[in-house]
Amino acid sequence: MSKEPIHLQIPLTRKANESLKTGDIVLISGVLFTARDAAHARMKTAIENDEPLPFQPEGQVVYFTGPAPARPGHALGPAGPTTASRMDPYSPLLIERGLKGMVGKGLRSEAVRSSMREHGCVYFGAVEGTAALLADCVKEAEIVAYEDLGAEAVRRLVVEDFPVVVVNDLHGGDLYREGRKRWRRPEDRGEGSAGTVSGDLR
């Protein structure tokens, strides 16, 4: 049975995140920040040196992307998701400081998933190949730190109905690891009948 998308407003809270389950389609609105591995490495150094971060992580969402230059009439160029595992060495530092959401693609490490469960952070997947569509959800964009990194600079985005899917929830769910098993039909296991298949599709 299909589900209606869940609308979430940033900043996120642990209470709101606890209601999410793997596979939920979520439309995010509000402010999120972009950062890839180069920016994360600098934020790690800032934390180690007790220096200010480009943004306060509490309740915030980070999108792992390096957007292309904006097209005329758009706030941001195509902005597809980056492989999230590149941020695994750094993510727990931000999660421990209140980060409540991350958006990327691919699996996360056990250390990251454990930190997420402990501190109430959810990992969302953005659909690869829809970079231009995702950029259309961005209403405002500005560089707030590390401008010398170019596309990998930290940007503040104002987004409206930014579509993502819950990959790792707070209950131990992992869409990548469980997805095939969860959605596999009886006939894929050599079970059921044509009538069952027809019923499943209705």
Protein backbone atom coordinates (compact mmCIF):
# COMPACT_ATOMS: atom_id res chain seq x y z
CA MET A 1 0.00 0.00 0.00
CA SER A 2 1.42 3.39 -0.96
CA LYS A 3 2.02 6.02 1.71
CA GLU A 4 1.40 9.73 1.56
CA PRO A 5 4.61 11.78 1.82
CA ILE A 6 5.48 13.07 5.27
CA HIS A 7 6.10 16.82 5.48
CA LEU A 8 8.92 17.84 7.81
CA GLN A 9 10.02 21.33 8.75
CA ILE A 10 13.64 22.03 9.69
CA PRO A 11 14.86 22.30 12.43
CA LEU A 12 14.15 18.65 13.19
CA THR A 13 13.64 17.18 16.64
CA ARG A 14 14.26 13.74 18.05
CA LYS A 15 10.52 13.40 18.68
CA ALA A 16 9.72 14.03 15.02
CA ASN A 17 12.48 11.67 13.90
CA GLU A 18 11.22 8.87 16.15
CA SER A 19 8.03 8.69 14.09
CA LEU A 20 9.96 7.98 10.87
CA LYS A 21 10.53 4.49 9.51
CA THR A 22 12.77 3.21 6.72
CA GLY A 23 11.10 3.63 3.36
CA ASP A 24 9.05 6.67 4.37
CA ILE A 25 8.95 9.36 1.69
CA VAL A 26 9.64 12.74 3.26
CA LEU A 27 9.31 16.27 1.88
CA ILE A 28 11.68 18.59 3.74
CA SER A 29 11.15 22.34 3.98
CA GLY A 30 13.26 24.98 5.69
CA VAL A 31 17.01 25.57 5.89
CA LEU A 32 19.58 22.86 5.22
CA PHE A 33 23.32 23.05 4.69
CA THR A 34 25.51 21.48 2.03
CA ALA A 35 28.88 19.95 2.89
CA ARG A 36 31.08 17.26 1.37
CA ASP A 37 34.22 15.57 2.69
CA ALA A 38 36.57 18.56 2.28
CA ALA A 39 34.23 20.78 4.29
CA HIS A 40 33.68 18.03 6.87
CA ALA A 41 37.44 17.70 7.34
CA ARG A 42 37.66 21.43 8.07
CA MET A 43 34.78 21.25 10.51
CA LYS A 44 36.54 18.38 12.30
CA THR A 45 39.62 20.57 12.65
CA ALA A 46 37.47 23.44 13.94
CA ILE A 47 35.93 21.18 16.57
CA GLU A 48 39.34 19.88 17.65
CA ASN A 49 40.62 23.47 17.95
CA ASP A 50 37.48 24.68 19.74
CA GLU A 51 36.72 27.08 16.89
CA PRO A 52 33.26 28.13 15.65
CA LEU A 53 31.54 25.93 13.07
CA PRO A 54 29.96 27.39 9.90
CA PHE A 55 26.53 26.64 11.42
CA GLN A 56 25.15 25.36 14.68
CA PRO A 57 24.37 21.65 14.15
CA GLU A 58 21.49 21.45 16.66
CA GLY A 59 18.34 20.39 14.81
CA GLN A 60 19.92 20.90 11.40
CA VAL A 61 20.20 18.78 8.25
CA VAL A 62 23.33 18.41 6.09
CA TYR A 63 23.06 17.50 2.42
CA PHE A 64 26.15 15.79 1.01
CA THR A 65 26.43 17.50 -2.38
CA GLY A 66 28.64 19.73 -4.50
CA PRO A 67 26.20 21.67 -6.69
CA ALA A 68 26.92 22.83 -10.21
CA PRO A 69 26.73 26.56 -11.05
CA ALA A 70 23.22 27.95 -10.99
CA ARG A 71 21.32 28.25 -14.23
CA PRO A 72 19.62 31.55 -15.08
CA GLY A 73 16.53 31.97 -12.96
CA HIS A 74 17.57 29.32 -10.44
CA ALA A 75 19.07 29.65 -6.96
CA LEU A 76 21.26 26.56 -7.40
CA GLY A 77 22.57 24.37 -10.18
CA PRO A 78 22.01 20.59 -10.36
CA ALA A 79 22.81 19.12 -6.96
CA GLY A 80 22.88 15.34 -6.84
CA PRO A 81 23.82 13.39 -3.70
CA THR A 82 27.40 12.43 -2.89
CA THR A 83 28.37 8.97 -1.58
CA ALA A 84 27.77 9.32 2.15
CA SER A 85 30.47 6.91 3.30
CA ARG A 86 33.04 9.60 2.49
CA MET A 87 31.61 11.54 5.44
CA ASP A 88 31.60 8.58 7.84
CA PRO A 89 34.85 9.57 9.62
CA TYR A 90 33.36 12.99 10.45
CA SER A 91 29.59 12.58 10.85
CA PRO A 92 29.56 11.44 14.51
CA LEU A 93 31.22 14.70 15.54
CA LEU A 94 28.28 16.69 14.17
CA ILE A 95 25.67 14.17 15.32
CA GLU A 96 27.00 14.43 18.88
CA ARG A 97 26.49 18.19 18.62
CA GLY A 98 22.85 17.94 17.69
CA LEU A 99 22.71 17.27 13.96
CA LYS A 100 19.33 15.63 13.29
CA GLY A 101 19.45 14.76 9.59
CA MET A 102 21.83 13.84 6.78
CA VAL A 103 21.04 13.43 3.07
CA GLY A 104 23.22 11.45 0.68
CA LYS A 105 23.45 8.11 -1.11
CA GLY A 106 24.86 4.74 -0.13
CA LEU A 107 25.46 2.80 3.06
CA ARG A 108 26.68 4.27 6.36
CA SER A 109 29.13 2.64 8.76
CA GLU A 110 28.05 0.94 11.97
CA ALA A 111 29.77 3.70 13.97
CA VAL A 112 27.65 6.34 12.23
CA ARG A 113 24.42 4.35 12.60
CA SER A 114 25.11 3.80 16.30
CA SER A 115 25.72 7.52 16.82
CA MET A 116 22.50 8.32 14.96
CA ARG A 117 20.43 6.02 17.16
CA GLU A 118 21.99 7.40 20.32
CA HIS A 119 21.51 11.07 19.44
CA GLY A 120 18.30 11.00 17.38
CA CYS A 121 19.62 11.64 13.88
CA VAL A 122 18.09 10.18 10.69
CA TYR A 123 19.84 9.43 7.40
CA PHE A 124 17.84 10.22 4.29
CA GLY A 125 18.55 9.13 0.74
CA ALA A 126 18.22 11.48 -2.22
CA VAL A 127 17.48 9.89 -5.56
CA GLU A 128 20.56 9.77 -7.77
CA GLY A 129 19.91 11.03 -11.29
CA THR A 130 17.41 13.69 -10.22
CA ALA A 131 19.93 16.45 -9.52
CA ALA A 132 18.09 19.08 -11.55
CA LEU A 133 14.76 18.19 -9.91
CA LEU A 134 16.29 18.51 -6.45
CA ALA A 135 17.78 21.89 -7.37
CA ASP A 136 14.32 23.11 -8.38
CA CYS A 137 13.26 22.68 -4.73
CA VAL A 138 15.92 25.19 -3.64
CA LYS A 139 14.50 28.69 -3.29
CA GLU A 140 17.58 30.45 -1.89
CA ALA A 141 21.27 29.56 -1.74
CA GLU A 142 24.31 31.30 -0.31
CA ILE A 143 27.87 30.31 0.59
CA VAL A 144 28.43 30.62 4.34
CA ALA A 145 31.92 29.09 4.74
CA TYR A 146 35.00 27.75 2.94
CA GLU A 147 34.35 29.62 -0.30
CA ASP A 148 37.79 28.57 -1.55
CA LEU A 149 36.49 25.00 -1.86
CA GLY A 150 34.29 26.03 -4.79
CA ALA A 151 31.49 23.50 -5.30
CA GLU A 152 32.38 21.93 -1.94
CA ALA A 153 31.91 25.15 0.03
CA VAL A 154 29.32 25.09 2.80
CA ARG A 155 26.07 26.53 1.50
CA ARG A 156 22.90 27.54 3.28
CA LEU A 157 19.87 26.46 1.27
CA VAL A 158 16.24 27.35 1.75
CA VAL A 159 14.26 24.42 0.38
CA GLU A 160 10.60 23.64 -0.17
CA ASP A 161 9.26 20.08 -0.38
CA PHE A 162 12.73 18.63 -0.95
CA PRO A 163 12.07 14.90 -1.61
CA VAL A 164 14.02 12.24 0.28
CA VAL A 165 13.47 8.71 1.59
CA VAL A 166 14.32 7.44 5.07
CA VAL A 167 17.28 5.05 4.81
CA ASN A 168 18.34 4.72 8.48
CA ASP A 169 15.75 5.37 11.18
CA LEU A 170 16.13 5.49 14.96
CA HIS A 171 14.89 1.92 15.37
CA GLY A 172 17.77 0.10 13.71
CA GLY A 173 16.18 0.04 10.26
CA ASP A 174 18.39 0.13 7.16
CA LEU A 175 16.62 0.46 3.83
CA TYR A 176 19.62 -0.65 1.78
CA ARG A 177 20.08 -3.86 3.75
CA GLU A 178 16.41 -4.68 4.24
CA GLY A 179 14.82 -3.28 1.11
CA ARG A 180 15.11 -6.31 -1.14
CA LYS A 181 13.79 -8.66 1.49
CA ARG A 182 11.00 -6.29 2.51
CA TRP A 183 9.63 -5.76 -1.00
CA ARG A 184 10.35 -9.18 -2.49
CA ARG A 185 7.17 -10.78 -3.84
CA PRO A 186 6.21 -14.41 -3.16
CA GLU A 187 6.85 -15.39 -6.77
CA ASP A 188 10.46 -14.23 -6.44
CA ARG A 189 10.87 -17.01 -3.86
CA GLY A 190 8.97 -19.52 -6.01
CA GLU A 191 5.85 -19.15 -3.87
CA GLY A 192 2.28 -18.03 -4.52
CA SER A 193 0.28 -18.06 -7.73
CA ALA A 194 -0.70 -15.76 -10.55
CA GLY A 195 -3.80 -14.86 -8.56
CA THR A 196 -1.65 -13.80 -5.64
CA VAL A 197 0.52 -11.64 -7.86
CA SER A 198 -2.55 -9.96 -9.32
CA GLY A 199 -3.81 -9.27 -5.84
CA ASP A 200 -0.48 -7.78 -4.82
CA LEU A 201 -0.54 -5.37 -7.72
CA ARG A 202 -3.98 -4.00 -7.04
